[in-house]
Amino acid sequence: TVIVQAYQYAENLGELDVEFNDQGQVVGYEGRLI
């Protein structure tokens, strides 16, 4: 399970790229705060 949060006060926009296999399981991710 991948968890993200983007801090506060409209300072950051969170971006998460997540990859699923054909069983609906997470097999990869990449995240950042802008």
All heavy atoms as atom14 arrays in JSON, in Angstrom:
{
  "sequence": "TVIVQAYQYAENLGELDVEFNDQGQVVGYEGRLI",
  "atom14_mask": [
    [1, 1, 1, 1, 1, 1, 1, 0, 0, 0, 0, 0, 0, 0],
    [1, 1, 1, 1, 1, 1, 1, 0, 0, 0, 0, 0, 0, 0],
    [1, 1, 1, 1, 1, 1, 1, 1, 0, 0, 0, 0, 0, 0],
    [1, 1, 1, 1, 1, 1, 1, 0, 0, 0, 0, 0, 0, 0],
    [1, 1, 1, 1, 1, 1, 1, 1, 1, 0, 0, 0, 0, 0],
    [1, 1, 1, 1, 1, 0, 0, 0, 0, 0, 0, 0, 0, 0],
    [1, 1, 1, 1, 1, 1, 1, 1, 1, 1, 1, 1, 0, 0],
    [1, 1, 1, 1, 1, 1, 1, 1, 1, 0, 0, 0, 0, 0],
    [1, 1, 1, 1, 1, 1, 1, 1, 1, 1, 1, 1, 0, 0],
    [1, 1, 1, 1, 1, 0, 0, 0, 0, 0, 0, 0, 0, 0],
    [1, 1, 1, 1, 1, 1, 1, 1, 1, 0, 0, 0, 0, 0],
    [1, 1, 1, 1, 1, 1, 1, 1, 0, 0, 0, 0, 0, 0],
    [1, 1, 1, 1, 1, 1, 1, 1, 0, 0, 0, 0, 0, 0],
    [1, 1, 1, 1, 0, 0, 0, 0, 0, 0, 0, 0, 0, 0],
    [1, 1, 1, 1, 1, 1, 1, 1, 1, 0, 0, 0, 0, 0],
    [1, 1, 1, 1, 1, 1, 1, 1, 0, 0, 0, 0, 0, 0],
    [1, 1, 1, 1, 1, 1, 1, 1, 0, 0, 0, 0, 0, 0],
    [1, 1, 1, 1, 1, 1, 1, 0, 0, 0, 0, 0, 0, 0],
    [1, 1, 1, 1, 1, 1, 1, 1, 1, 0, 0, 0, 0, 0],
    [1, 1, 1, 1, 1, 1, 1, 1, 1, 1, 1, 0, 0, 0],
    [1, 1, 1, 1, 1, 1, 1, 1, 0, 0, 0, 0, 0, 0],
    [1, 1, 1, 1, 1, 1, 1, 1, 0, 0, 0, 0, 0, 0],
    [1, 1, 1, 1, 1, 1, 1, 1, 1, 0, 0, 0, 0, 0],
    [1, 1, 1, 1, 0, 0, 0, 0, 0, 0, 0, 0, 0, 0],
    [1, 1, 1, 1, 1, 1, 1, 1, 1, 0, 0, 0, 0, 0],
    [1, 1, 1, 1, 1, 1, 1, 0, 0, 0, 0, 0, 0, 0],
    [1, 1, 1, 1, 1, 1, 1, 0, 0, 0, 0, 0, 0, 0],
    [1, 1, 1, 1, 0, 0, 0, 0, 0, 0, 0, 0, 0, 0],
    [1, 1, 1, 1, 1, 1, 1, 1, 1, 1, 1, 1, 0, 0],
    [1, 1, 1, 1, 1, 1, 1, 1, 1, 0, 0, 0, 0, 0],
    [1, 1, 1, 1, 0, 0, 0, 0, 0, 0, 0, 0, 0, 0],
    [1, 1, 1, 1, 1, 1, 1, 1, 1, 1, 1, 0, 0, 0],
    [1, 1, 1, 1, 1, 1, 1, 1, 0, 0, 0, 0, 0, 0],
    [1, 1, 1, 1, 1, 1, 1, 1, 0, 0, 0, 0, 0, 0]
  ],
  "atom14_positions": [
    [[0.86, -1.18, 0.0], [0.0, 0.0, 0.0], [0.89, 1.23, 0.0], [1.77, 1.36, 0.85], [-0.92, 0.03, 1.24], [-1.72, -1.14, 1.27], [-1.81, 1.27, 1.21], [0.0, 0.0, 0.0], [0.0, 0.0, 0.0], [0.0, 0.0, 0.0], [0.0, 0.0, 0.0], [0.0, 0.0, 0.0], [0.0, 0.0, 0.0], [0.0, 0.0, 0.0]],
    [[0.68, 2.13, -0.96], [1.49, 3.35, -1.09], [0.74, 4.51, -0.42], [-0.44, 4.74, -0.7], [1.75, 3.67, -2.57], [2.6, 4.94, -2.7], [2.45, 2.5, -3.26], [0.0, 0.0, 0.0], [0.0, 0.0, 0.0], [0.0, 0.0, 0.0], [0.0, 0.0, 0.0], [0.0, 0.0, 0.0], [0.0, 0.0, 0.0], [0.0, 0.0, 0.0]],
    [[1.43, 5.23, 0.47], [0.82, 6.35, 1.2], [1.51, 7.65, 0.79], [2.74, 7.74, 0.75], [0.96, 6.18, 2.72], [0.37, 4.83, 3.17], [0.26, 7.33, 3.45], [0.57, 4.55, 4.65], [0.0, 0.0, 0.0], [0.0, 0.0, 0.0], [0.0, 0.0, 0.0], [0.0, 0.0, 0.0], [0.0, 0.0, 0.0], [0.0, 0.0, 0.0]],
    [[0.7, 8.68, 0.49], [1.23, 10.0, 0.14], [0.49, 11.08, 0.91], [-0.66, 10.9, 1.34], [1.12, 10.28, -1.38], [2.01, 9.35, -2.17], [-0.33, 10.17, -1.86], [0.0, 0.0, 0.0], [0.0, 0.0, 0.0], [0.0, 0.0, 0.0], [0.0, 0.0, 0.0], [0.0, 0.0, 0.0], [0.0, 0.0, 0.0], [0.0, 0.0, 0.0]],
    [[1.16, 12.21, 1.11], [0.53, 13.39, 1.71], [1.37, 14.6, 1.3], [2.6, 14.5, 1.19], [0.42, 13.28, 3.23], [-0.5, 14.35, 3.81], [-0.77, 14.2, 5.31], [-0.89, 15.18, 6.03], [-0.86, 12.96, 5.79], [0.0, 0.0, 0.0], [0.0, 0.0, 0.0], [0.0, 0.0, 0.0], [0.0, 0.0, 0.0], [0.0, 0.0, 0.0]],
    [[0.73, 15.74, 1.11], [1.4, 16.89, 0.49], [1.51, 18.12, 1.39], [1.4, 19.25, 0.94], [0.69, 17.28, -0.82], [0.0, 0.0, 0.0], [0.0, 0.0, 0.0], [0.0, 0.0, 0.0], [0.0, 0.0, 0.0], [0.0, 0.0, 0.0], [0.0, 0.0, 0.0], [0.0, 0.0, 0.0], [0.0, 0.0, 0.0], [0.0, 0.0, 0.0]],
    [[1.72, 17.88, 2.7], [2.04, 18.96, 3.64], [0.84, 19.86, 3.92], [-0.17, 19.39, 4.42], [3.25, 19.73, 3.14], [3.99, 20.55, 4.17], [4.03, 20.17, 5.51], [4.67, 21.71, 3.8], [4.74, 20.92, 6.44], [5.38, 22.47, 4.73], [5.41, 22.07, 6.05], [6.11, 22.81, 6.96], [0.0, 0.0, 0.0], [0.0, 0.0, 0.0]],
    [[0.89, 21.14, 3.56], [-0.12, 22.08, 4.05], [-0.12, 23.39, 3.26], [0.8, 23.7, 2.52], [0.17, 22.41, 5.52], [1.52, 23.11, 5.7], [1.88, 23.36, 7.15], [1.23, 22.88, 8.05], [2.93, 24.13, 7.38], [0.0, 0.0, 0.0], [0.0, 0.0, 0.0], [0.0, 0.0, 0.0], [0.0, 0.0, 0.0], [0.0, 0.0, 0.0]],
    [[-1.21, 24.17, 3.49], [-1.31, 25.57, 3.09], [-1.08, 25.82, 1.6], [-0.59, 26.88, 1.21], [-0.35, 26.44, 3.91], [-0.51, 26.31, 5.41], [0.55, 26.58, 6.28], [-1.72, 25.88, 5.97], [0.41, 26.46, 7.65], [-1.87, 25.75, 7.34], [-0.8, 26.04, 8.18], [-0.94, 25.9, 9.53], [0.0, 0.0, 0.0], [0.0, 0.0, 0.0]],
    [[-1.41, 24.84, 0.76], [-1.29, 24.97, -0.7], [0.14, 25.26, -1.13], [0.38, 25.87, -2.17], [-2.24, 26.05, -1.23], [0.0, 0.0, 0.0], [0.0, 0.0, 0.0], [0.0, 0.0, 0.0], [0.0, 0.0, 0.0], [0.0, 0.0, 0.0], [0.0, 0.0, 0.0], [0.0, 0.0, 0.0], [0.0, 0.0, 0.0], [0.0, 0.0, 0.0]],
    [[1.11, 24.79, -0.36], [2.51, 24.99, -0.72], [2.99, 23.99, -1.76], [3.91, 24.27, -2.53], [3.41, 24.87, 0.52], [3.2, 25.96, 1.54], [4.07, 25.75, 2.77], [5.09, 25.03, 2.66], [3.73, 26.28, 3.83], [0.0, 0.0, 0.0], [0.0, 0.0, 0.0], [0.0, 0.0, 0.0], [0.0, 0.0, 0.0], [0.0, 0.0, 0.0]],
    [[2.4, 22.79, -1.74], [2.86, 21.72, -2.62], [1.69, 21.04, -3.32], [0.6, 20.89, -2.75], [3.61, 20.65, -1.82], [4.85, 21.2, -1.15], [5.87, 21.4, -1.79], [4.75, 21.44, 0.14], [0.0, 0.0, 0.0], [0.0, 0.0, 0.0], [0.0, 0.0, 0.0], [0.0, 0.0, 0.0], [0.0, 0.0, 0.0], [0.0, 0.0, 0.0]],
    [[1.95, 20.59, -4.53], [1.06, 19.68, -5.22], [1.75, 18.33, -5.25], [2.89, 18.21, -5.73], [0.79, 20.15, -6.65], [-0.02, 19.19, -7.54], [-1.46, 19.08, -7.04], [0.02, 19.62, -8.99], [0.0, 0.0, 0.0], [0.0, 0.0, 0.0], [0.0, 0.0, 0.0], [0.0, 0.0, 0.0], [0.0, 0.0, 0.0], [0.0, 0.0, 0.0]],
    [[1.09, 17.31, -4.73], [1.67, 15.97, -4.77], [1.4, 15.32, -6.11], [0.34, 15.5, -6.71], [0.0, 0.0, 0.0], [0.0, 0.0, 0.0], [0.0, 0.0, 0.0], [0.0, 0.0, 0.0], [0.0, 0.0, 0.0], [0.0, 0.0, 0.0], [0.0, 0.0, 0.0], [0.0, 0.0, 0.0], [0.0, 0.0, 0.0], [0.0, 0.0, 0.0]],
    [[2.39, 14.55, -6.59], [2.23, 13.78, -7.82], [2.71, 12.36, -7.56], [3.83, 12.15, -7.09], [3.02, 14.4, -8.98], [2.87, 13.61, -10.28], [3.73, 14.15, -11.41], [4.44, 15.15, -11.19], [3.7, 13.56, -12.5], [0.0, 0.0, 0.0], [0.0, 0.0, 0.0], [0.0, 0.0, 0.0], [0.0, 0.0, 0.0], [0.0, 0.0, 0.0]],
    [[1.86, 11.39, -7.85], [2.2, 9.98, -7.68], [1.91, 9.24, -8.97], [0.8, 9.29, -9.5], [1.37, 9.36, -6.54], [1.5, 7.85, -6.36], [2.9, 7.47, -5.89], [0.45, 7.31, -5.4], [0.0, 0.0, 0.0], [0.0, 0.0, 0.0], [0.0, 0.0, 0.0], [0.0, 0.0, 0.0], [0.0, 0.0, 0.0], [0.0, 0.0, 0.0]],
    [[2.93, 8.54, -9.48], [2.76, 7.62, -10.61], [2.84, 6.21, -10.04], [3.86, 5.83, -9.45], [3.86, 7.83, -11.65], [3.82, 9.22, -12.25], [2.73, 9.67, -12.63], [4.88, 9.86, -12.33], [0.0, 0.0, 0.0], [0.0, 0.0, 0.0], [0.0, 0.0, 0.0], [0.0, 0.0, 0.0], [0.0, 0.0, 0.0], [0.0, 0.0, 0.0]],
    [[1.77, 5.46, -10.2], [1.71, 4.11, -9.63], [1.38, 3.11, -10.73], [0.58, 3.4, -11.62], [0.69, 4.05, -8.47], [-0.7, 4.38, -8.94], [0.72, 2.7, -7.78], [0.0, 0.0, 0.0], [0.0, 0.0, 0.0], [0.0, 0.0, 0.0], [0.0, 0.0, 0.0], [0.0, 0.0, 0.0], [0.0, 0.0, 0.0], [0.0, 0.0, 0.0]],
    [[2.01, 1.95, -10.69], [1.84, 0.92, -11.71], [1.22, -0.33, -11.11], [1.65, -0.8, -10.05], [3.2, 0.6, -12.35], [3.12, -0.32, -13.55], [4.47, -0.49, -14.24], [5.43, 0.2, -13.84], [4.55, -1.31, -15.17], [0.0, 0.0, 0.0], [0.0, 0.0, 0.0], [0.0, 0.0, 0.0], [0.0, 0.0, 0.0], [0.0, 0.0, 0.0]],
    [[0.21, -0.87, -11.78], [-0.5, -2.07, -11.33], [-0.26, -3.21, -12.33], [-0.2, -2.98, -13.54], [-2.01, -1.81, -11.26], [-2.41, -0.74, -10.29], [-2.46, 0.6, -10.69], [-2.76, -1.04, -8.99], [-2.85, 1.6, -9.81], [-3.16, -0.06, -8.1], [-3.2, 1.26, -8.51], [0.0, 0.0, 0.0], [0.0, 0.0, 0.0], [0.0, 0.0, 0.0]],
    [[-0.2, -4.45, -11.81], [-0.19, -5.59, -12.71], [-1.63, -6.0, -13.02], [-2.59, -5.35, -12.58], [0.61, -6.76, -12.12], [0.01, -7.3, -10.82], [-1.15, -7.05, -10.5], [0.81, -8.06, -10.08], [0.0, 0.0, 0.0], [0.0, 0.0, 0.0], [0.0, 0.0, 0.0], [0.0, 0.0, 0.0], [0.0, 0.0, 0.0], [0.0, 0.0, 0.0]],
    [[-1.8, -7.1, -13.78], [-3.15, -7.47, -14.19], [-3.99, -8.04, -13.07], [-5.18, -8.28, -13.24], [-3.1, -8.46, -15.37], [-2.34, -9.74, -15.01], [-1.83, -9.84, -13.87], [-2.26, -10.63, -15.87], [0.0, 0.0, 0.0], [0.0, 0.0, 0.0], [0.0, 0.0, 0.0], [0.0, 0.0, 0.0], [0.0, 0.0, 0.0], [0.0, 0.0, 0.0]],
    [[-3.37, -8.22, -11.88], [-4.12, -8.66, -10.7], [-4.54, -7.47, -9.82], [-5.13, -7.66, -8.76], [-3.26, -9.62, -9.87], [-2.83, -10.88, -10.61], [-4.0, -11.71, -11.07], [-4.91, -12.0, -10.28], [-4.02, -12.09, -12.34], [0.0, 0.0, 0.0], [0.0, 0.0, 0.0], [0.0, 0.0, 0.0], [0.0, 0.0, 0.0], [0.0, 0.0, 0.0]],
    [[-4.21, -6.26, -10.25], [-4.56, -5.07, -9.48], [-3.6, -4.79, -8.34], [-3.9, -3.97, -7.47], [0.0, 0.0, 0.0], [0.0, 0.0, 0.0], [0.0, 0.0, 0.0], [0.0, 0.0, 0.0], [0.0, 0.0, 0.0], [0.0, 0.0, 0.0], [0.0, 0.0, 0.0], [0.0, 0.0, 0.0], [0.0, 0.0, 0.0], [0.0, 0.0, 0.0]],
    [[-2.44, -5.43, -8.35], [-1.44, -5.2, -7.31], [-0.45, -4.12, -7.75], [-0.1, -4.03, -8.93], [-0.67, -6.5, -7.02], [-1.56, -7.63, -6.53], [-0.83, -8.96, -6.57], [-0.1, -9.25, -7.53], [-1.03, -9.78, -5.55], [0.0, 0.0, 0.0], [0.0, 0.0, 0.0], [0.0, 0.0, 0.0], [0.0, 0.0, 0.0], [0.0, 0.0, 0.0]],
    [[-0.01, -3.32, -6.78], [0.99, -2.29, -7.06], [2.33, -2.97, -7.29], [2.82, -3.72, -6.45], [1.1, -1.29, -5.9], [2.23, -0.3, -6.15], [-0.21, -0.54, -5.7], [0.0, 0.0, 0.0], [0.0, 0.0, 0.0], [0.0, 0.0, 0.0], [0.0, 0.0, 0.0], [0.0, 0.0, 0.0], [0.0, 0.0, 0.0], [0.0, 0.0, 0.0]],
    [[2.94, -2.7, -8.45], [4.24, -3.29, -8.77], [5.31, -2.22, -8.96], [6.48, -2.56, -9.15], [4.15, -4.18, -10.04], [3.28, -5.39, -9.77], [3.62, -3.38, -11.23], [0.0, 0.0, 0.0], [0.0, 0.0, 0.0], [0.0, 0.0, 0.0], [0.0, 0.0, 0.0], [0.0, 0.0, 0.0], [0.0, 0.0, 0.0], [0.0, 0.0, 0.0]],
    [[4.94, -0.97, -8.89], [5.92, 0.1, -9.0], [5.29, 1.44, -8.69], [4.07, 1.6, -8.78], [0.0, 0.0, 0.0], [0.0, 0.0, 0.0], [0.0, 0.0, 0.0], [0.0, 0.0, 0.0], [0.0, 0.0, 0.0], [0.0, 0.0, 0.0], [0.0, 0.0, 0.0], [0.0, 0.0, 0.0], [0.0, 0.0, 0.0], [0.0, 0.0, 0.0]],
    [[6.11, 2.4, -8.27], [5.58, 3.73, -7.98], [6.71, 4.74, -8.07], [7.9, 4.41, -7.99], [4.98, 3.78, -6.57], [6.03, 3.73, -5.48], [6.57, 4.89, -4.95], [6.53, 2.5, -5.03], [7.55, 4.85, -3.98], [7.5, 2.45, -4.06], [8.02, 3.63, -3.53], [9.0, 3.58, -2.58], [0.0, 0.0, 0.0], [0.0, 0.0, 0.0]],
    [[6.32, 5.99, -8.24], [7.25, 7.12, -8.16], [6.46, 8.33, -7.71], [5.39, 8.63, -8.26], [7.91, 7.39, -9.51], [8.96, 8.49, -9.46], [9.72, 8.65, -10.77], [9.38, 7.93, -11.73], [10.64, 9.49, -10.82], [0.0, 0.0, 0.0], [0.0, 0.0, 0.0], [0.0, 0.0, 0.0], [0.0, 0.0, 0.0], [0.0, 0.0, 0.0]],
    [[6.93, 9.01, -6.69], [6.19, 10.15, -6.15], [7.08, 11.33, -5.85], [8.28, 11.18, -5.61], [0.0, 0.0, 0.0], [0.0, 0.0, 0.0], [0.0, 0.0, 0.0], [0.0, 0.0, 0.0], [0.0, 0.0, 0.0], [0.0, 0.0, 0.0], [0.0, 0.0, 0.0], [0.0, 0.0, 0.0], [0.0, 0.0, 0.0], [0.0, 0.0, 0.0]],
    [[6.5, 12.51, -5.85], [7.24, 13.73, -5.53], [6.27, 14.81, -5.09], [5.05, 14.7, -5.29], [8.03, 14.21, -6.74], [7.15, 14.63, -7.93], [7.97, 15.25, -9.05], [7.15, 15.62, -10.19], [7.36, 16.7, -10.93], [8.36, 17.51, -10.64], [6.6, 16.96, -11.97], [0.0, 0.0, 0.0], [0.0, 0.0, 0.0], [0.0, 0.0, 0.0]],
    [[6.81, 15.85, -4.47], [6.05, 17.05, -4.15], [6.55, 18.18, -5.04], [7.75, 18.42, -5.15], [6.22, 17.43, -2.68], [5.7, 16.44, -1.65], [5.88, 17.0, -0.24], [4.24, 16.1, -1.89], [0.0, 0.0, 0.0], [0.0, 0.0, 0.0], [0.0, 0.0, 0.0], [0.0, 0.0, 0.0], [0.0, 0.0, 0.0], [0.0, 0.0, 0.0]],
    [[5.62, 18.88, -5.66], [5.94, 20.01, -6.52], [5.76, 21.29, -5.72], [4.67, 21.56, -5.19], [5.03, 20.03, -7.76], [5.19, 18.74, -8.56], [5.33, 21.24, -8.63], [4.15, 18.55, -9.65], [0.0, 0.0, 0.0], [0.0, 0.0, 0.0], [0.0, 0.0, 0.0], [0.0, 0.0, 0.0], [0.0, 0.0, 0.0], [0.0, 0.0, 0.0]]
  ]
}
